Amino acid sequence: MSPSDVSANPFGLPARPLLKAPTNSATKRLFVAATRMNDGKTTTCLGLYAALMGLYPRIGFIKPVGQRFVEVQGHHIDEDSYLLDTIYHVHVPIESMSPVTVDSTFTRRFLKKPEAMLPTLEDKICRAFDRVSWEKDFTLIEGTGHAGVGSVFDLSNASVAKLLGAKVVIVCPGGIGRPIDEIALNKALFDQAGVEIVGAILNKVEPDKIPLIAEYAGIGLARLGVPLLGVLPVQKMLSAPNLSQIAEEIGGRWLNVQPAGTKQRVYRVVVGAMTAKRIVDYLQPGTLIITPGDRDDIILAAISNSRLPGDTIAGLVLTNDIPPHGKLLELLAQTEIPVIAASDESYTIASKIHSMTVKTQPQDTDKFPVIKRLITEHVDMKALLKAL
């Protein structure tokens, strides 16, 4: 056995052979990939896990390679693994759900010693898979980005899916031409690795376009040998940030907030650069008003509107580090309007909010039933499981 085939042992005990494949070949498994980042892969995994729970009593989960992580019990844990475990209580060691996390120096360390690192990383992934799949009926595997992500350290999605002996379902934004082109590009890399794509799920499609896209994208994908398993309608709430996320993004501080106010979802952002008379048309639930703190007229209009049943706006962001008049602060405190103070000017704040990437978080409990319905109502689970 060559040195690259054994694990280092600091106690002088016999070294264990490095695994080059999981020992578990019995547990059913599915690898979920995407054509790009932020295509809805994590949302799809959350929904698939919920759907699988209705079919199998014991479900495992693993994200073999993670790029965004949080600190949990002294371990770097991919935030998606942490999210899914928080929601569904997977009942496996959290570190096994996220065996490899890529920090800022990971790639450079690998490129200096690829022959030394790769066998150890593959061994770690295989042993983690065996652990999360122990006595499980099904294991869901979440990839990272498109098929080639991780190629720089020889752990692309295609390579990891092959390592774990998993078939793949691929998630892509809806349309006809673009998803077919992108799925074809990703399929080429999976084909090269000898990994089968058992189907595609198109995401974020306007409801009135679903029949058209399902028909023609289905025809186009069939020509690639990829069945269309489902078309998911766009759900605005899944991409709508809450005020807590916005406050963090813009570096704001709370001036007036109730515990429930931080969870208010923002569906529309309006910069209050118009007259108070015109702003009235925008004072609706789900709307965030951004205005300098000295626009007393706009602040008063929001206060007055909040006294009407069901018409309270999602919140106010007061910009330029200009505090409102003390009397206005007293009036705001008597309302349910969440108020955030920020130092940037209004259009900078609006730009930051519009460019936010909104990820589902453990506290987003209002999203979970919606995500579950998306999969159970719009994905052909029977066809998916039959393909496995």
Protein backbone atom coordinates (compact mmCIF):
# COMPACT_ATOMS: atom_id res chain seq x y z
CA MET A 1 0.00 0.00 0.00
CA SER A 2 1.49 3.32 -1.01
CA PRO A 3 1.75 6.28 1.43
CA SER A 4 -1.03 8.07 -0.44
CA ASP A 5 -3.41 5.20 0.34
CA VAL A 6 -3.32 5.45 4.12
CA SER A 7 -4.41 7.95 6.75
CA ALA A 8 -1.79 9.53 8.98
CA ASN A 9 -2.03 8.28 12.57
CA PRO A 10 -0.43 10.34 15.36
CA PHE A 11 -0.53 7.44 17.86
CA GLY A 12 1.60 4.98 15.91
CA LEU A 13 -1.36 2.62 15.38
CA PRO A 14 -1.84 0.82 12.08
CA ALA A 15 -3.02 3.34 9.51
CA ARG A 16 -6.49 2.81 8.08
CA PRO A 17 -6.83 2.52 4.31
CA LEU A 18 -8.25 5.57 2.60
CA LEU A 19 -11.71 5.02 1.15
CA LYS A 20 -12.03 5.64 -2.58
CA ALA A 21 -15.79 5.00 -2.55
CA PRO A 22 -18.44 4.77 0.18
CA THR A 23 -18.86 1.34 1.75
CA ASN A 24 -22.61 1.95 1.72
CA SER A 25 -24.05 0.80 -1.60
CA ALA A 26 -27.56 0.01 -0.36
CA THR A 27 -29.02 3.39 0.60
CA LYS A 28 -30.80 5.13 -2.25
CA ARG A 29 -29.26 8.48 -3.08
CA LEU A 30 -29.81 11.54 -5.24
CA PHE A 31 -27.39 14.35 -6.07
CA VAL A 32 -29.00 17.77 -6.62
CA ALA A 33 -26.99 20.06 -8.88
CA ALA A 34 -27.69 23.37 -10.60
CA THR A 35 -26.58 25.20 -13.71
CA ARG A 36 -25.41 28.26 -11.74
CA MET A 37 -25.25 29.63 -8.22
CA ASN A 38 -28.50 30.97 -6.73
CA ASP A 39 -30.67 28.96 -9.14
CA GLY A 40 -32.84 27.60 -6.31
CA LYS A 41 -30.88 24.44 -5.55
CA THR A 42 -31.11 24.80 -1.76
CA THR A 43 -34.82 25.60 -1.97
CA THR A 44 -35.30 22.49 -4.11
CA CYS A 45 -33.36 20.38 -1.59
CA LEU A 46 -35.51 21.68 1.27
CA GLY A 47 -38.67 20.79 -0.66
CA LEU A 48 -37.36 17.41 -1.82
CA TYR A 49 -36.34 16.48 1.71
CA ALA A 50 -39.83 17.29 2.97
CA ALA A 51 -41.41 15.28 0.13
CA LEU A 52 -39.09 12.32 0.78
CA MET A 53 -40.04 12.33 4.47
CA GLY A 54 -43.55 11.40 3.38
CA LEU A 55 -42.20 8.39 1.46
CA TYR A 56 -39.29 7.11 3.56
CA PRO A 57 -39.08 6.93 7.36
CA ARG A 58 -35.34 7.69 7.58
CA ILE A 59 -33.66 10.35 5.39
CA GLY A 60 -30.02 11.44 5.42
CA PHE A 61 -28.49 14.62 4.03
CA ILE A 62 -25.01 15.74 3.05
CA LYS A 63 -23.43 18.68 1.26
CA PRO A 64 -19.99 17.24 0.50
CA VAL A 65 -18.32 20.51 -0.51
CA GLY A 66 -19.44 23.84 0.92
CA GLN A 67 -18.23 27.36 0.19
CA ARG A 68 -20.25 29.38 2.71
CA PHE A 69 -20.07 28.14 6.27
CA VAL A 70 -20.90 28.94 9.87
CA GLU A 71 -19.18 27.87 13.08
CA VAL A 72 -21.09 25.07 14.85
CA GLN A 73 -19.68 23.20 17.84
CA GLY A 74 -16.14 24.07 16.78
CA HIS A 75 -16.66 22.87 13.20
CA HIS A 76 -16.96 24.79 9.94
CA ILE A 77 -20.42 23.73 8.71
CA ASP A 78 -21.87 24.69 5.35
CA GLU A 79 -24.77 27.05 5.95
CA ASP A 80 -27.15 24.93 3.86
CA SER A 81 -26.38 21.82 5.91
CA TYR A 82 -26.96 23.83 9.07
CA LEU A 83 -30.22 25.19 7.66
CA LEU A 84 -31.61 21.79 6.72
CA ASP A 85 -30.57 20.22 10.03
CA THR A 86 -32.19 23.09 11.95
CA ILE A 87 -35.47 22.61 10.10
CA TYR A 88 -35.68 18.83 9.84
CA HIS A 89 -33.45 17.50 12.65
CA VAL A 90 -31.61 14.97 10.50
CA HIS A 91 -30.27 13.01 13.53
CA VAL A 92 -26.70 12.58 12.31
CA PRO A 93 -23.54 14.38 13.47
CA ILE A 94 -23.62 17.85 11.94
CA GLU A 95 -19.95 17.64 10.92
CA SER A 96 -20.75 14.60 8.73
CA MET A 97 -23.34 16.65 6.84
CA SER A 98 -20.58 19.06 5.78
CA PRO A 99 -17.28 17.19 5.48
CA VAL A 100 -15.35 19.66 3.30
CA THR A 101 -15.63 23.45 3.58
CA VAL A 102 -13.62 25.74 1.35
CA ASP A 103 -12.08 28.65 3.23
CA SER A 104 -10.11 31.55 1.74
CA THR A 105 -6.80 29.61 1.57
CA PHE A 106 -8.16 26.14 0.70
CA THR A 107 -7.52 26.30 -3.05
CA ARG A 108 -3.97 27.59 -2.63
CA ARG A 109 -3.16 24.85 -0.12
CA PHE A 110 -4.53 22.22 -2.49
CA LEU A 111 -2.66 23.48 -5.54
CA LYS A 112 0.64 23.22 -3.65
CA LYS A 113 0.07 19.58 -2.62
CA PRO A 114 -2.78 18.10 -4.71
CA GLU A 115 -1.46 14.52 -4.56
CA ALA A 116 -1.38 14.64 -0.77
CA MET A 117 -4.71 16.41 -0.20
CA LEU A 118 -7.06 14.81 -2.73
CA PRO A 119 -7.07 11.22 -1.36
CA THR A 120 -7.67 12.54 2.15
CA LEU A 121 -10.53 14.78 0.99
CA GLU A 122 -12.16 11.94 -0.95
CA ASP A 123 -11.80 9.68 2.08
CA LYS A 124 -13.40 12.32 4.29
CA ILE A 125 -16.36 12.69 1.91
CA CYS A 126 -16.87 8.92 1.61
CA ARG A 127 -16.74 8.35 5.37
CA ALA A 128 -19.12 11.27 5.96
CA PHE A 129 -21.55 9.83 3.41
CA ASP A 130 -21.41 6.44 5.11
CA ARG A 131 -22.14 8.13 8.44
CA VAL A 132 -25.14 10.20 7.28
CA SER A 133 -26.49 7.18 5.36
CA TRP A 134 -26.15 4.70 8.23
CA GLU A 135 -29.50 2.92 8.65
CA LYS A 136 -31.13 5.46 6.30
CA ASP A 137 -33.54 4.62 3.49
CA PHE A 138 -32.55 7.59 1.32
CA THR A 139 -29.78 10.19 1.31
CA LEU A 140 -30.12 13.57 -0.38
CA ILE A 141 -26.84 15.08 -1.60
CA GLU A 142 -26.60 18.80 -2.35
CA GLY A 143 -23.99 20.03 -4.80
CA THR A 144 -22.28 23.41 -5.02
CA GLY A 145 -23.05 25.59 -8.03
CA HIS A 146 -22.79 24.18 -11.56
CA ALA A 147 -21.29 20.85 -12.61
CA GLY A 148 -17.73 22.19 -12.81
CA VAL A 149 -17.56 24.06 -9.49
CA GLY A 150 -14.72 22.55 -7.45
CA SER A 151 -12.73 21.40 -10.49
CA VAL A 152 -9.77 23.49 -9.35
CA PHE A 153 -9.30 21.07 -6.46
CA ASP A 154 -10.54 17.94 -8.30
CA LEU A 155 -13.88 17.86 -6.45
CA SER A 156 -16.28 19.15 -9.07
CA ASN A 157 -19.95 18.28 -8.66
CA ALA A 158 -19.53 15.71 -11.42
CA SER A 159 -16.53 14.15 -9.65
CA VAL A 160 -18.27 14.04 -6.27
CA ALA A 161 -21.46 12.55 -7.73
CA LYS A 162 -19.33 9.82 -9.35
CA LEU A 163 -17.40 9.27 -6.11
CA LEU A 164 -20.66 8.72 -4.20
CA GLY A 165 -22.29 6.60 -6.90
CA ALA A 166 -25.20 9.03 -7.21
CA LYS A 167 -27.50 9.93 -10.06
CA VAL A 168 -28.26 13.62 -10.59
CA VAL A 169 -31.23 15.92 -10.88
CA ILE A 170 -30.36 19.36 -12.17
CA VAL A 171 -32.09 22.64 -11.25
CA CYS A 172 -32.20 25.54 -13.69
CA PRO A 173 -34.12 28.85 -14.00
CA GLY A 174 -37.15 28.59 -16.25
CA GLY A 175 -37.37 29.36 -19.92
CA ILE A 176 -37.00 27.40 -23.14
CA GLY A 177 -33.74 28.13 -24.96
CA ARG A 178 -31.52 29.20 -22.09
CA PRO A 179 -32.16 26.29 -19.70
CA ILE A 180 -31.72 23.76 -22.50
CA ASP A 181 -28.40 25.35 -23.46
CA GLU A 182 -27.18 25.47 -19.86
CA ILE A 183 -28.32 21.95 -19.02
CA ALA A 184 -26.60 20.66 -22.18
CA LEU A 185 -23.36 22.34 -21.08
CA ASN A 186 -23.55 20.86 -17.58
CA LYS A 187 -24.63 17.45 -18.88
CA ALA A 188 -21.44 17.23 -20.93
CA LEU A 189 -19.32 17.29 -17.77
CA PHE A 190 -21.52 14.76 -15.97
CA ASP A 191 -21.41 12.53 -19.05
CA GLN A 192 -17.62 12.75 -19.11
CA ALA A 193 -17.56 11.60 -15.49
CA GLY A 194 -19.97 8.75 -16.25
CA VAL A 195 -22.76 10.20 -14.11
CA GLU A 196 -26.39 9.92 -15.19
CA ILE A 197 -28.75 12.93 -15.09
CA VAL A 198 -32.18 11.50 -14.32
CA GLY A 199 -34.13 14.71 -14.78
CA ALA A 200 -34.36 18.48 -14.64
CA ILE A 201 -36.45 20.89 -12.58
CA LEU A 202 -37.08 24.36 -13.97
CA ASN A 203 -37.46 27.04 -11.34
CA LYS A 204 -38.91 30.56 -10.96
CA VAL A 205 -41.42 30.48 -13.82
CA GLU A 206 -44.36 32.89 -14.04
CA PRO A 207 -47.52 30.81 -13.41
CA ASP A 208 -49.21 31.79 -16.68
CA LYS A 209 -46.16 30.59 -18.66
CA ILE A 210 -45.88 27.16 -17.03
CA PRO A 211 -47.90 25.21 -19.68
CA LEU A 212 -45.90 26.75 -22.56
CA ILE A 213 -42.52 26.17 -20.92
CA ALA A 214 -43.43 22.68 -19.75
CA GLU A 215 -44.36 21.70 -23.31
CA TYR A 216 -41.46 23.16 -25.26
CA ALA A 217 -38.70 22.86 -22.67
CA GLY A 218 -39.87 19.29 -22.16
CA ILE A 219 -39.43 18.59 -25.88
CA GLY A 220 -36.00 20.25 -25.95
CA LEU A 221 -34.75 18.44 -22.85
CA ALA A 222 -36.05 15.10 -24.16
CA ARG A 223 -33.77 15.57 -27.17
CA LEU A 224 -30.88 15.73 -24.70
CA GLY A 225 -32.12 12.59 -22.97
CA VAL A 226 -33.08 14.54 -19.83
CA PRO A 227 -36.70 14.18 -18.61
CA LEU A 228 -38.43 17.32 -17.36
CA LEU A 229 -39.58 16.41 -13.85
CA GLY A 230 -41.25 19.67 -12.90
CA VAL A 231 -41.71 23.40 -13.44
CA LEU A 232 -41.85 25.49 -10.26
CA PRO A 233 -43.85 28.73 -10.25
CA VAL A 234 -42.08 31.84 -9.01
CA GLN A 235 -42.83 32.64 -5.37
CA LYS A 236 -42.11 36.27 -4.59
CA MET A 237 -41.87 35.67 -0.87
CA LEU A 238 -38.89 33.33 -1.34
CA SER A 239 -36.80 36.15 -2.81
CA ALA A 240 -38.25 38.89 -0.60
CA PRO A 241 -35.87 39.93 2.20
CA ASN A 242 -37.13 40.61 5.69
CA LEU A 243 -36.24 43.76 7.58
CA SER A 244 -33.66 42.03 9.73
CA GLN A 245 -31.75 40.98 6.60
CA ILE A 246 -32.03 44.48 5.16
CA ALA A 247 -30.81 46.11 8.37
CA GLU A 248 -27.75 43.85 8.32
CA GLU A 249 -27.09 44.48 4.62
CA ILE A 250 -27.15 48.27 4.93
CA GLY A 251 -25.47 48.45 8.34
CA GLY A 252 -28.57 50.02 9.87
CA ARG A 253 -29.68 50.39 13.47
CA TRP A 254 -33.20 50.05 14.82
CA LEU A 255 -35.07 53.14 15.99
CA ASN A 256 -38.50 51.56 16.36
CA VAL A 257 -39.18 47.86 16.17
CA GLN A 258 -41.34 45.16 17.70
CA PRO A 259 -40.08 41.52 17.71
CA ALA A 260 -42.39 40.66 14.81
CA GLY A 261 -41.26 43.73 12.88
CA THR A 262 -37.84 42.27 12.06
CA LYS A 263 -39.59 39.47 10.13
CA GLN A 264 -41.63 41.82 7.93
CA ARG A 265 -41.06 40.88 4.30
CA VAL A 266 -40.32 43.64 1.80
CA TYR A 267 -41.85 43.21 -1.66
CA ARG A 268 -41.38 46.77 -2.90
CA VAL A 269 -38.77 49.46 -2.22
CA VAL A 270 -39.66 53.12 -2.79
CA VAL A 271 -37.28 56.05 -2.47
CA GLY A 272 -39.23 58.89 -0.90
CA ALA A 273 -38.02 61.70 -3.15
CA MET A 274 -41.52 62.90 -4.09
CA THR A 275 -44.03 65.10 -2.30
CA ALA A 276 -46.03 63.82 0.64
CA LYS A 277 -49.15 63.94 -1.55
CA ARG A 278 -47.60 61.52 -4.05
CA ILE A 279 -46.07 59.21 -1.45
CA VAL A 280 -49.58 58.30 -0.22
CA ASP A 281 -50.06 56.09 -3.28
CA TYR A 282 -47.09 53.95 -2.19
CA LEU A 283 -48.04 53.53 1.47
CA GLN A 284 -49.08 49.90 1.23
CA PRO A 285 -48.29 46.71 3.16
CA GLY A 286 -45.04 45.11 1.98
CA THR A 287 -43.55 48.46 0.91
CA LEU A 288 -40.32 49.83 2.38
CA ILE A 289 -39.96 53.61 2.21
CA ILE A 290 -36.42 55.00 2.06
CA THR A 291 -36.13 58.69 2.87
CA PRO A 292 -33.82 61.14 4.68
CA GLY A 293 -34.62 61.63 8.34
CA ASP A 294 -35.52 65.29 7.78
CA ARG A 295 -38.40 64.56 5.40
CA ASP A 296 -40.97 65.29 8.09
CA ASP A 297 -43.79 65.34 5.54
CA ILE A 298 -43.14 61.77 4.34
CA ILE A 299 -42.68 60.47 7.89
CA LEU A 300 -45.95 62.14 8.98
CA ALA A 301 -47.75 60.65 5.97
CA ALA A 302 -46.53 57.16 6.97
CA ILE A 303 -47.62 57.72 10.58
CA SER A 304 -51.08 58.90 9.50
CA ASN A 305 -51.49 55.99 7.10
CA SER A 306 -50.56 53.48 9.81
CA ARG A 307 -53.71 54.42 11.71
CA LEU A 308 -55.80 52.90 8.90
CA PRO A 309 -56.56 49.18 9.44
CA GLY A 310 -54.28 46.92 7.39
CA ASP A 311 -52.38 49.76 5.72
CA THR A 312 -49.16 49.80 7.73
CA ILE A 313 -46.08 49.79 5.49
CA ALA A 314 -43.33 47.17 5.92
CA GLY A 315 -40.97 49.79 7.32
CA LEU A 316 -39.05 53.04 7.04
CA VAL A 317 -35.34 53.51 6.40
CA LEU A 318 -34.14 56.97 7.44
CA THR A 319 -30.92 57.82 5.60
CA ASN A 320 -27.97 60.22 5.74
CA ASP A 321 -27.65 59.77 9.51
CA ILE A 322 -30.25 62.50 9.95
CA PRO A 323 -32.42 61.81 13.01
CA PRO A 324 -36.08 62.84 12.77
CA HIS A 325 -37.49 65.46 15.10
CA GLY A 326 -37.97 64.21 18.65
CA LYS A 327 -41.75 64.61 18.44
CA LEU A 328 -41.81 62.50 15.29
CA LEU A 329 -39.84 59.79 17.07
CA GLU A 330 -42.45 59.82 19.83
CA LEU A 331 -45.24 59.47 17.26
CA LEU A 332 -43.38 56.65 15.46
CA ALA A 333 -43.00 54.83 18.77
CA GLN A 334 -46.80 54.79 19.04
CA THR A 335 -47.11 52.98 15.69
CA GLU A 336 -46.16 49.48 14.50
CA ILE A 337 -43.91 50.88 11.77
CA PRO A 338 -40.41 49.38 12.01
CA VAL A 339 -37.82 52.14 11.56
CA ILE A 340 -34.16 51.69 10.61
CA ALA A 341 -31.56 54.46 10.63
CA ALA A 342 -28.66 54.29 8.13
CA SER A 343 -25.68 56.47 7.23
CA ASP A 344 -25.73 56.10 3.42
CA GLU A 345 -27.85 58.27 1.15
CA SER A 346 -31.18 57.00 -0.15
CA TYR A 347 -30.21 55.76 -3.61
CA THR A 348 -27.16 53.91 -2.27
CA ILE A 349 -29.40 52.15 0.25
CA ALA A 350 -31.92 51.26 -2.45
CA SER A 351 -29.15 49.87 -4.67
CA LYS A 352 -27.82 47.67 -1.86
CA ILE A 353 -31.28 46.25 -1.21
CA HIS A 354 -31.99 45.56 -4.88
CA SER A 355 -28.68 43.71 -5.29
CA MET A 356 -29.21 41.48 -2.23
CA THR A 357 -29.09 37.71 -2.69
CA VAL A 358 -31.81 36.45 -0.37
CA LYS A 359 -31.03 33.03 1.09
CA THR A 360 -33.49 31.04 3.18
CA GLN A 361 -32.48 31.13 6.84
CA PRO A 362 -33.49 28.97 9.83
CA GLN A 363 -35.75 31.72 11.17
CA ASP A 364 -37.70 31.97 7.89
CA THR A 365 -40.45 29.68 9.17
CA ASP A 366 -43.03 31.29 6.90
CA LYS A 367 -41.16 29.98 3.86
CA PHE A 368 -41.01 26.30 4.76
CA PRO A 369 -44.66 25.33 4.00
CA VAL A 370 -44.43 27.21 0.68
CA ILE A 371 -41.23 25.39 -0.29
CA LYS A 372 -42.73 22.01 0.57
CA ARG A 373 -45.84 22.70 -1.56
CA LEU A 374 -43.67 23.78 -4.49
CA ILE A 375 -42.12 20.32 -4.73
CA THR A 376 -45.08 18.16 -3.76
CA GLU A 377 -47.43 19.96 -6.18
CA HIS A 378 -45.11 20.58 -9.13
CA VAL A 379 -42.48 17.80 -9.24
CA ASP A 380 -43.21 14.28 -10.49
CA MET A 381 -41.77 12.40 -7.50
CA LYS A 382 -42.90 9.01 -8.85
CA ALA A 383 -40.94 9.52 -12.07
CA LEU A 384 -37.92 10.76 -10.12
CA LEU A 385 -37.81 7.82 -7.74
CA LYS A 386 -38.45 5.34 -10.55
CA ALA A 387 -35.36 6.68 -12.34
CA LEU A 388 -33.28 5.89 -9.25
